[in-house]
């Protein structure tokens, strides 16, 4: 598989994860969502989900199951975030995933008991989330990161470098929706 195929998301959302709607999920034939955590559903360092994200998660969970797969090593923090999304539903989670490694992502996708092409990996990073999802054969969705206002997060520089390198390789990073 070429680098273009490995880094090209199947869908690019011009909004945060909140831009993913139940209709969109149905239209693309997605039956399960694996979500990155940091900057995909919550800013780095936060434990409490924004009420809008909690409402979004409840709405999406009425259509498809969710699972969290994070590279963050803070097991307790990821567990609390997963519990905050649940509202009566068990949201499985994985910390220390080591994406773009496929090992823990494969475990989360397999637990959904769905064909991999019907599961979407949703994240804000090309070289971790999209790369891991594409390597596993998942549908990949790139979203805008959720950052703290006036964030000086050094990962922004890394994300910008990823986008620059990807464009040099010929990857299209124009929002689809």
N, C-alpha and C. Protein backbone atom coordinates (compact mmCIF):
# COMPACT_ATOMS: atom_id res chain seq x y z
N UNK A 1 0.86 -1.19 0.00
CA UNK A 1 0.00 0.00 0.00
C UNK A 1 0.90 1.24 0.00
N UNK A 2 0.58 2.22 -0.83
CA UNK A 2 1.40 3.43 -0.95
C UNK A 2 1.14 4.37 0.23
N UNK A 3 2.09 5.30 0.44
CA UNK A 3 1.92 6.29 1.50
C UNK A 3 0.66 7.12 1.28
N UNK A 4 0.35 7.38 0.01
CA UNK A 4 -0.86 8.15 -0.28
C UNK A 4 -2.08 7.39 0.24
N UNK A 5 -2.16 6.11 -0.03
CA UNK A 5 -3.29 5.31 0.45
C UNK A 5 -3.30 5.20 1.97
N UNK A 6 -2.13 5.14 2.59
CA UNK A 6 -2.05 4.99 4.04
C UNK A 6 -2.43 6.26 4.79
N UNK A 7 -2.16 7.41 4.19
CA UNK A 7 -2.40 8.68 4.89
C UNK A 7 -3.65 9.42 4.42
N UNK A 8 -4.29 8.93 3.37
CA UNK A 8 -5.48 9.61 2.84
C UNK A 8 -6.72 9.19 3.64
N UNK A 9 -7.34 10.13 4.36
CA UNK A 9 -8.59 9.79 5.06
C UNK A 9 -9.70 9.52 4.05
N UNK A 10 -10.62 8.65 4.41
CA UNK A 10 -11.79 8.40 3.56
C UNK A 10 -12.74 9.58 3.59
N UNK A 11 -12.76 10.29 4.71
CA UNK A 11 -13.67 11.42 4.89
C UNK A 11 -12.96 12.46 5.73
N UNK A 12 -13.06 13.72 5.33
CA UNK A 12 -12.49 14.83 6.11
C UNK A 12 -13.65 15.74 6.49
N UNK A 13 -13.84 15.91 7.78
CA UNK A 13 -14.93 16.74 8.31
C UNK A 13 -14.35 18.11 8.66
N UNK A 14 -14.97 19.17 8.19
CA UNK A 14 -14.46 20.52 8.42
C UNK A 14 -14.74 21.01 9.84
N UNK A 15 -15.36 20.20 10.63
CA UNK A 15 -15.74 20.54 12.00
C UNK A 15 -15.04 19.55 12.93
N UNK A 16 -15.28 19.72 14.21
CA UNK A 16 -14.81 18.74 15.19
C UNK A 16 -15.64 17.47 15.05
N UNK A 17 -15.45 16.55 15.94
CA UNK A 17 -16.23 15.30 15.95
C UNK A 17 -17.73 15.59 15.98
N UNK A 18 -18.09 16.76 16.47
CA UNK A 18 -19.51 17.13 16.54
C UNK A 18 -20.14 17.25 15.16
N UNK A 19 -19.31 17.33 14.12
CA UNK A 19 -19.82 17.40 12.75
C UNK A 19 -20.24 16.05 12.20
N UNK A 20 -19.94 14.99 12.92
CA UNK A 20 -20.36 13.65 12.48
C UNK A 20 -21.77 13.42 13.00
N UNK A 21 -22.69 13.21 12.09
CA UNK A 21 -24.10 13.07 12.45
C UNK A 21 -24.57 11.63 12.26
N UNK A 22 -25.66 11.26 12.91
CA UNK A 22 -26.23 9.93 12.68
C UNK A 22 -26.55 9.69 11.20
N UNK A 23 -27.04 10.71 10.51
CA UNK A 23 -27.35 10.58 9.08
C UNK A 23 -26.08 10.27 8.30
N UNK A 24 -25.00 10.98 8.59
CA UNK A 24 -23.73 10.75 7.92
C UNK A 24 -23.25 9.32 8.15
N UNK A 25 -23.35 8.87 9.37
CA UNK A 25 -22.93 7.51 9.72
C UNK A 25 -23.73 6.49 8.89
N UNK A 26 -25.03 6.68 8.84
CA UNK A 26 -25.88 5.78 8.05
C UNK A 26 -25.56 5.87 6.56
N UNK A 27 -25.40 7.10 6.04
CA UNK A 27 -25.13 7.30 4.62
C UNK A 27 -23.85 6.61 4.16
N UNK A 28 -22.85 6.56 5.02
CA UNK A 28 -21.57 5.93 4.67
C UNK A 28 -21.53 4.45 5.04
N UNK A 29 -22.62 3.92 5.58
CA UNK A 29 -22.66 2.50 5.91
C UNK A 29 -21.80 2.12 7.10
N UNK A 30 -21.57 3.08 7.98
CA UNK A 30 -20.73 2.85 9.15
C UNK A 30 -21.60 2.24 10.26
N UNK A 31 -21.09 1.16 10.83
CA UNK A 31 -21.84 0.44 11.87
C UNK A 31 -21.18 0.55 13.25
N UNK A 32 -20.00 1.15 13.33
CA UNK A 32 -19.29 1.33 14.60
C UNK A 32 -18.26 2.43 14.48
N UNK A 33 -18.02 3.16 15.58
CA UNK A 33 -17.03 4.24 15.60
C UNK A 33 -15.97 3.96 16.67
N UNK A 34 -14.72 3.98 16.26
CA UNK A 34 -13.61 3.96 17.20
C UNK A 34 -13.08 5.38 17.23
N UNK A 35 -13.06 5.96 18.41
CA UNK A 35 -12.68 7.36 18.56
C UNK A 35 -11.34 7.51 19.26
N UNK A 36 -10.49 8.35 18.70
CA UNK A 36 -9.31 8.82 19.41
C UNK A 36 -9.85 9.70 20.54
N UNK A 37 -9.03 9.97 21.54
CA UNK A 37 -9.51 10.76 22.68
C UNK A 37 -8.96 12.19 22.64
N UNK A 38 -7.67 12.35 22.90
CA UNK A 38 -7.09 13.68 23.04
C UNK A 38 -7.18 14.49 21.76
N UNK A 39 -7.84 15.61 21.87
CA UNK A 39 -8.07 16.59 20.82
C UNK A 39 -9.06 16.10 19.76
N UNK A 40 -9.59 14.88 19.92
CA UNK A 40 -10.66 14.43 19.04
C UNK A 40 -12.00 14.61 19.73
N UNK A 41 -12.09 14.18 21.00
CA UNK A 41 -13.34 14.38 21.74
C UNK A 41 -13.17 15.28 22.96
N UNK A 42 -11.91 15.57 23.32
CA UNK A 42 -11.65 16.39 24.52
C UNK A 42 -10.26 17.01 24.41
N UNK A 43 -10.10 18.26 24.85
CA UNK A 43 -8.76 18.85 24.84
C UNK A 43 -7.81 18.08 25.78
N UNK A 44 -6.54 18.09 25.45
CA UNK A 44 -5.53 17.41 26.27
C UNK A 44 -5.59 17.94 27.71
N UNK A 45 -5.50 17.03 28.67
CA UNK A 45 -5.46 17.40 30.08
C UNK A 45 -6.83 17.48 30.73
N UNK A 46 -7.88 17.62 29.97
CA UNK A 46 -9.23 17.69 30.53
C UNK A 46 -9.71 16.29 30.88
N UNK A 47 -10.59 16.21 31.86
CA UNK A 47 -11.20 14.93 32.24
C UNK A 47 -12.69 14.98 31.97
N UNK A 48 -13.28 16.14 32.16
CA UNK A 48 -14.72 16.33 32.01
C UNK A 48 -15.06 16.65 30.56
N UNK A 49 -15.91 15.82 29.96
CA UNK A 49 -16.35 16.09 28.58
C UNK A 49 -17.21 17.33 28.53
N UNK A 50 -17.09 18.06 27.47
CA UNK A 50 -17.96 19.20 27.21
C UNK A 50 -19.38 18.65 27.07
N UNK A 51 -20.38 19.35 27.60
CA UNK A 51 -21.76 18.86 27.47
C UNK A 51 -22.18 18.61 26.03
N UNK A 52 -21.68 19.40 25.08
CA UNK A 52 -22.03 19.19 23.68
C UNK A 52 -21.49 17.85 23.17
N UNK A 53 -20.30 17.45 23.65
CA UNK A 53 -19.72 16.17 23.25
C UNK A 53 -20.51 15.03 23.87
N UNK A 54 -20.91 15.19 25.12
CA UNK A 54 -21.71 14.16 25.78
C UNK A 54 -23.05 13.97 25.05
N UNK A 55 -23.69 15.07 24.69
CA UNK A 55 -24.95 15.00 23.95
C UNK A 55 -24.73 14.33 22.59
N UNK A 56 -23.65 14.72 21.91
CA UNK A 56 -23.31 14.11 20.62
C UNK A 56 -23.11 12.60 20.77
N UNK A 57 -22.36 12.20 21.80
CA UNK A 57 -22.08 10.77 22.01
C UNK A 57 -23.36 9.99 22.26
N UNK A 58 -24.27 10.56 23.04
CA UNK A 58 -25.54 9.88 23.31
C UNK A 58 -26.35 9.72 22.03
N UNK A 59 -26.34 10.75 21.20
CA UNK A 59 -27.08 10.71 19.93
C UNK A 59 -26.47 9.67 18.97
N UNK A 60 -25.14 9.66 18.86
CA UNK A 60 -24.45 8.72 17.97
C UNK A 60 -24.61 7.29 18.48
N UNK A 61 -24.56 7.11 19.80
CA UNK A 61 -24.70 5.76 20.37
C UNK A 61 -26.08 5.16 20.12
N UNK A 62 -27.04 5.98 19.79
CA UNK A 62 -28.36 5.44 19.46
C UNK A 62 -28.34 4.79 18.07
N UNK A 63 -27.27 5.05 17.30
CA UNK A 63 -27.15 4.52 15.94
C UNK A 63 -26.05 3.46 15.83
N UNK A 64 -24.89 3.71 16.47
CA UNK A 64 -23.75 2.80 16.37
C UNK A 64 -23.03 2.69 17.72
N UNK A 65 -22.34 1.57 17.95
CA UNK A 65 -21.53 1.47 19.17
C UNK A 65 -20.27 2.31 19.05
N UNK A 66 -19.77 2.75 20.20
CA UNK A 66 -18.54 3.54 20.27
C UNK A 66 -17.48 2.77 21.05
N UNK A 67 -16.24 3.08 20.75
CA UNK A 67 -15.10 2.58 21.50
C UNK A 67 -14.04 3.67 21.48
N UNK A 68 -13.31 3.83 22.56
CA UNK A 68 -12.23 4.81 22.63
C UNK A 68 -10.89 4.10 22.54
N UNK A 69 -9.99 4.60 21.69
CA UNK A 69 -8.64 4.06 21.58
C UNK A 69 -7.69 5.24 21.60
N UNK A 70 -6.92 5.34 22.69
CA UNK A 70 -6.06 6.50 22.90
C UNK A 70 -4.60 6.09 23.05
N UNK A 71 -3.71 6.93 22.56
CA UNK A 71 -2.29 6.74 22.81
C UNK A 71 -1.90 7.23 24.20
N UNK A 72 -2.79 7.96 24.86
CA UNK A 72 -2.51 8.50 26.18
C UNK A 72 -2.28 7.35 27.16
N UNK A 73 -1.26 7.49 27.99
CA UNK A 73 -0.92 6.44 28.96
C UNK A 73 -1.72 6.56 30.25
N UNK A 74 -2.51 7.62 30.40
CA UNK A 74 -3.29 7.83 31.62
C UNK A 74 -4.54 6.97 31.65
N UNK A 75 -4.40 5.73 32.07
CA UNK A 75 -5.52 4.77 32.08
C UNK A 75 -6.73 5.32 32.83
N UNK A 76 -6.52 5.87 34.02
CA UNK A 76 -7.65 6.37 34.83
C UNK A 76 -8.37 7.52 34.13
N UNK A 77 -7.61 8.41 33.52
CA UNK A 77 -8.22 9.54 32.82
C UNK A 77 -9.07 9.04 31.65
N UNK A 78 -8.56 8.11 30.86
CA UNK A 78 -9.31 7.60 29.72
C UNK A 78 -10.54 6.84 30.22
N UNK A 79 -10.40 6.11 31.32
CA UNK A 79 -11.55 5.39 31.89
C UNK A 79 -12.64 6.37 32.30
N UNK A 80 -12.26 7.47 32.95
CA UNK A 80 -13.25 8.47 33.38
C UNK A 80 -13.93 9.14 32.18
N UNK A 81 -13.18 9.38 31.13
CA UNK A 81 -13.77 9.97 29.92
C UNK A 81 -14.78 8.99 29.31
N UNK A 82 -14.41 7.71 29.26
CA UNK A 82 -15.33 6.69 28.72
C UNK A 82 -16.59 6.60 29.57
N UNK A 83 -16.44 6.67 30.88
CA UNK A 83 -17.62 6.65 31.76
C UNK A 83 -18.49 7.89 31.55
N UNK A 84 -17.86 9.02 31.27
CA UNK A 84 -18.60 10.26 31.03
C UNK A 84 -19.40 10.23 29.74
N UNK A 85 -19.01 9.36 28.82
CA UNK A 85 -19.74 9.24 27.55
C UNK A 85 -20.89 8.26 27.66
N UNK A 86 -20.81 7.37 28.61
CA UNK A 86 -21.69 6.20 28.66
C UNK A 86 -23.17 6.53 28.78
N UNK A 87 -23.56 7.19 29.85
CA UNK A 87 -24.96 7.49 30.11
C UNK A 87 -25.85 6.26 29.85
N UNK A 88 -25.56 5.21 30.59
CA UNK A 88 -26.36 4.00 30.46
C UNK A 88 -25.81 2.99 29.48
N UNK A 89 -24.76 3.33 28.75
CA UNK A 89 -24.14 2.40 27.81
C UNK A 89 -22.67 2.24 28.17
N UNK A 90 -22.17 1.05 28.04
CA UNK A 90 -20.77 0.78 28.33
C UNK A 90 -19.93 1.16 27.12
N UNK A 91 -19.03 2.13 27.27
CA UNK A 91 -18.14 2.51 26.18
C UNK A 91 -16.78 1.90 26.48
N UNK A 92 -16.41 0.86 25.72
CA UNK A 92 -15.10 0.25 25.94
C UNK A 92 -13.99 1.25 25.60
N UNK A 93 -12.83 1.08 26.23
CA UNK A 93 -11.73 2.00 25.99
C UNK A 93 -10.40 1.28 26.09
N UNK A 94 -9.42 1.88 25.43
CA UNK A 94 -8.05 1.40 25.46
C UNK A 94 -7.14 2.60 25.63
N UNK A 95 -6.23 2.52 26.59
CA UNK A 95 -5.20 3.53 26.76
C UNK A 95 -3.87 2.94 26.27
N UNK A 96 -2.88 3.77 26.09
CA UNK A 96 -1.55 3.32 25.65
C UNK A 96 -1.61 2.48 24.38
N UNK A 97 -2.38 2.93 23.40
CA UNK A 97 -2.60 2.14 22.19
C UNK A 97 -1.39 2.07 21.27
N UNK A 98 -0.53 3.07 21.30
CA UNK A 98 0.65 3.05 20.45
C UNK A 98 0.36 3.20 18.97
N UNK A 99 -0.73 3.91 18.62
CA UNK A 99 -1.02 4.13 17.20
C UNK A 99 0.15 4.89 16.57
N UNK A 100 0.60 4.54 15.41
CA UNK A 100 -0.09 3.82 14.35
C UNK A 100 0.01 2.30 14.42
N UNK A 101 0.50 1.76 15.52
CA UNK A 101 0.44 0.30 15.67
C UNK A 101 -1.01 -0.14 15.57
N UNK A 102 -1.23 -1.29 14.98
CA UNK A 102 -2.59 -1.79 14.79
C UNK A 102 -3.06 -2.71 15.92
N UNK A 103 -2.17 -3.16 16.76
CA UNK A 103 -2.48 -4.21 17.72
C UNK A 103 -3.71 -3.89 18.59
N UNK A 104 -3.68 -2.80 19.32
CA UNK A 104 -4.79 -2.48 20.23
C UNK A 104 -6.01 -1.96 19.47
N UNK A 105 -5.78 -1.32 18.35
CA UNK A 105 -6.89 -0.87 17.51
C UNK A 105 -7.62 -2.08 16.94
N UNK A 106 -6.88 -3.09 16.52
CA UNK A 106 -7.49 -4.33 16.01
C UNK A 106 -8.35 -4.99 17.10
N UNK A 107 -7.85 -4.99 18.31
CA UNK A 107 -8.59 -5.59 19.43
C UNK A 107 -9.92 -4.86 19.65
N UNK A 108 -9.88 -3.53 19.62
CA UNK A 108 -11.11 -2.74 19.81
C UNK A 108 -12.08 -2.97 18.66
N UNK A 109 -11.57 -3.00 17.43
CA UNK A 109 -12.44 -3.21 16.26
C UNK A 109 -13.02 -4.62 16.27
N UNK A 110 -12.22 -5.60 16.61
CA UNK A 110 -12.69 -6.99 16.66
C UNK A 110 -13.80 -7.14 17.69
N UNK A 111 -13.68 -6.44 18.82
CA UNK A 111 -14.70 -6.52 19.87
C UNK A 111 -16.06 -6.02 19.39
N UNK A 112 -16.08 -5.18 18.37
CA UNK A 112 -17.35 -4.68 17.83
C UNK A 112 -18.07 -5.75 17.02
N UNK A 113 -17.36 -6.80 16.64
CA UNK A 113 -17.95 -7.92 15.90
C UNK A 113 -18.62 -7.44 14.61
N UNK A 114 -17.91 -6.58 13.89
CA UNK A 114 -18.38 -6.03 12.61
C UNK A 114 -17.26 -6.18 11.59
N UNK A 115 -17.60 -6.21 10.31
CA UNK A 115 -16.54 -6.16 9.29
C UNK A 115 -15.76 -4.85 9.45
N UNK A 116 -14.43 -4.93 9.35
CA UNK A 116 -13.61 -3.76 9.59
C UNK A 116 -13.98 -2.58 8.70
N UNK A 117 -14.38 -2.85 7.46
CA UNK A 117 -14.71 -1.74 6.55
C UNK A 117 -15.99 -1.01 6.97
N UNK A 118 -16.74 -1.56 7.93
CA UNK A 118 -17.95 -0.90 8.44
C UNK A 118 -17.67 -0.15 9.74
N UNK A 119 -16.41 -0.16 10.17
CA UNK A 119 -16.01 0.55 11.39
C UNK A 119 -15.17 1.75 10.97
N UNK A 120 -15.47 2.90 11.55
CA UNK A 120 -14.70 4.11 11.25
C UNK A 120 -13.76 4.44 12.40
N UNK A 121 -12.53 4.74 12.04
CA UNK A 121 -11.56 5.28 12.99
C UNK A 121 -11.63 6.79 12.86
N UNK A 122 -11.99 7.47 13.94
CA UNK A 122 -12.17 8.91 13.93
C UNK A 122 -11.05 9.55 14.75
N UNK A 123 -10.33 10.48 14.14
CA UNK A 123 -9.27 11.16 14.88
C UNK A 123 -8.87 12.46 14.23
N UNK A 124 -7.99 13.17 14.94
CA UNK A 124 -7.54 14.48 14.48
C UNK A 124 -6.13 14.44 13.89
N UNK A 125 -5.49 13.28 13.89
CA UNK A 125 -4.09 13.18 13.46
C UNK A 125 -3.93 12.22 12.29
N UNK A 126 -3.15 12.63 11.30
CA UNK A 126 -2.89 11.81 10.12
C UNK A 126 -1.93 10.66 10.41
N UNK A 127 -0.83 10.94 11.13
CA UNK A 127 0.24 9.96 11.29
C UNK A 127 -0.01 8.99 12.43
N UNK A 128 -1.11 9.14 13.14
CA UNK A 128 -1.47 8.17 14.18
C UNK A 128 -2.83 7.57 13.85
N UNK A 129 -3.88 8.37 13.93
CA UNK A 129 -5.25 7.88 13.78
C UNK A 129 -5.56 7.38 12.36
N UNK A 130 -5.32 8.22 11.36
CA UNK A 130 -5.64 7.85 9.98
C UNK A 130 -4.72 6.73 9.52
N UNK A 131 -3.44 6.84 9.80
CA UNK A 131 -2.49 5.82 9.39
C UNK A 131 -2.85 4.46 10.00
N UNK A 132 -3.13 4.42 11.30
CA UNK A 132 -3.49 3.16 11.96
C UNK A 132 -4.79 2.59 11.38
N UNK A 133 -5.79 3.45 11.22
CA UNK A 133 -7.07 2.99 10.68
C UNK A 133 -6.95 2.44 9.27
N UNK A 134 -6.21 3.14 8.42
CA UNK A 134 -6.02 2.67 7.04
C UNK A 134 -5.21 1.38 7.00
N UNK A 135 -4.21 1.26 7.86
CA UNK A 135 -3.40 0.03 7.89
C UNK A 135 -4.26 -1.17 8.27
N UNK A 136 -5.32 -0.93 9.03
CA UNK A 136 -6.18 -2.02 9.48
C UNK A 136 -7.37 -2.26 8.55
N UNK A 137 -7.59 -1.35 7.61
CA UNK A 137 -8.71 -1.51 6.68
C UNK A 137 -10.01 -0.91 7.18
N UNK A 138 -9.91 0.01 8.15
CA UNK A 138 -11.09 0.70 8.65
C UNK A 138 -11.39 1.90 7.74
N UNK A 139 -12.61 2.38 7.81
CA UNK A 139 -13.00 3.63 7.18
C UNK A 139 -12.40 4.72 8.06
N UNK A 140 -11.71 5.70 7.50
CA UNK A 140 -11.04 6.71 8.34
C UNK A 140 -11.68 8.08 8.17
N UNK A 141 -11.87 8.74 9.30
CA UNK A 141 -12.47 10.08 9.32
C UNK A 141 -11.53 11.01 10.06
N UNK A 142 -11.09 12.06 9.40
CA UNK A 142 -10.26 13.09 10.00
C UNK A 142 -11.14 14.25 10.41
N UNK A 143 -11.04 14.67 11.66
CA UNK A 143 -11.82 15.79 12.17
C UNK A 143 -10.88 16.90 12.64
N UNK A 144 -11.43 18.08 12.79
CA UNK A 144 -10.67 19.20 13.35
C UNK A 144 -10.44 18.93 14.84
N UNK A 145 -9.27 19.30 15.34
CA UNK A 145 -8.99 19.04 16.77
C UNK A 145 -9.81 19.93 17.69
N UNK A 146 -10.10 19.37 18.87
CA UNK A 146 -10.74 20.14 19.94
C UNK A 146 -9.61 20.65 20.83
N UNK A 147 -9.39 21.95 20.79
CA UNK A 147 -8.32 22.56 21.55
C UNK A 147 -8.88 23.53 22.57
N UNK A 148 -8.10 23.76 23.61
CA UNK A 148 -8.46 24.81 24.55
C UNK A 148 -8.30 26.15 23.83
N UNK A 149 -9.17 27.11 24.13
CA UNK A 149 -9.00 28.43 23.50
C UNK A 149 -7.60 28.97 23.81
N UNK A 150 -6.97 29.59 22.82
CA UNK A 150 -5.61 30.16 22.95
C UNK A 150 -4.57 29.12 23.32
N UNK A 151 -4.80 27.88 22.91
CA UNK A 151 -3.88 26.79 23.22
C UNK A 151 -2.53 27.02 22.56
N UNK A 152 -1.48 26.77 23.32
CA UNK A 152 -0.11 26.84 22.79
C UNK A 152 0.44 25.42 22.69
N UNK A 153 -0.42 24.48 22.43
CA UNK A 153 -0.08 23.08 22.36
C UNK A 153 1.00 22.83 21.30
N UNK A 154 2.15 22.26 21.68
CA UNK A 154 3.20 21.99 20.69
C UNK A 154 2.78 20.95 19.66
N UNK A 155 1.73 20.17 19.94
CA UNK A 155 1.25 19.20 18.97
C UNK A 155 0.68 19.90 17.74
N UNK A 156 0.29 21.18 17.89
CA UNK A 156 -0.18 21.93 16.72
C UNK A 156 0.93 22.01 15.68
N UNK A 157 2.17 22.23 16.14
CA UNK A 157 3.31 22.28 15.21
C UNK A 157 3.50 20.92 14.54
N UNK A 158 3.38 19.86 15.31
CA UNK A 158 3.51 18.51 14.76
C UNK A 158 2.40 18.22 13.77
N UNK A 159 1.17 18.60 14.12
CA UNK A 159 0.03 18.39 13.22
C UNK A 159 0.25 19.16 11.91
N UNK A 160 0.72 20.40 12.03
CA UNK A 160 1.00 21.20 10.84
C UNK A 160 2.08 20.55 9.97
N UNK A 161 3.10 19.98 10.61
CA UNK A 161 4.16 19.30 9.86
C UNK A 161 3.59 18.06 9.16
N UNK A 162 2.73 17.32 9.84
CA UNK A 162 2.09 16.15 9.23
C UNK A 162 1.32 16.55 7.97
N UNK A 163 0.57 17.64 8.07
CA UNK A 163 -0.23 18.10 6.93
C UNK A 163 0.68 18.55 5.79
N UNK A 164 1.77 19.25 6.11
CA UNK A 164 2.68 19.70 5.08
C UNK A 164 3.30 18.51 4.36
N UNK A 165 3.82 17.54 5.12
CA UNK A 165 4.42 16.34 4.53
C UNK A 165 3.40 15.61 3.68
N UNK A 166 2.20 15.47 4.19
CA UNK A 166 1.14 14.75 3.46
C UNK A 166 0.82 15.43 2.14
N UNK A 167 0.73 16.74 2.16
CA UNK A 167 0.46 17.47 0.91
C UNK A 167 1.59 17.27 -0.09
N UNK A 168 2.84 17.24 0.41
CA UNK A 168 3.99 17.02 -0.47
C UNK A 168 3.92 15.64 -1.12
N UNK A 169 3.31 14.68 -0.42
CA UNK A 169 3.16 13.32 -0.95
C UNK A 169 1.98 13.22 -1.92
N UNK A 170 1.17 14.28 -2.00
CA UNK A 170 0.05 14.28 -2.93
C UNK A 170 -1.29 13.91 -2.30
N UNK A 171 -1.36 13.96 -0.99
CA UNK A 171 -2.60 13.62 -0.29
C UNK A 171 -3.53 14.82 -0.30
N UNK A 172 -4.81 14.57 -0.57
CA UNK A 172 -5.82 15.62 -0.60
C UNK A 172 -6.39 15.80 0.80
N UNK A 173 -6.27 17.02 1.31
CA UNK A 173 -6.74 17.28 2.67
C UNK A 173 -7.82 18.36 2.69
N UNK A 174 -8.64 18.36 1.68
CA UNK A 174 -9.74 19.29 1.61
C UNK A 174 -10.96 18.64 2.26
N UNK A 175 -11.64 19.40 3.11
CA UNK A 175 -12.80 18.86 3.80
C UNK A 175 -13.84 18.35 2.81
N UNK A 176 -14.31 17.15 3.08
CA UNK A 176 -15.35 16.54 2.26
C UNK A 176 -16.72 17.02 2.74
N UNK A 177 -16.85 17.19 4.04
CA UNK A 177 -18.11 17.65 4.63
C UNK A 177 -17.85 18.80 5.58
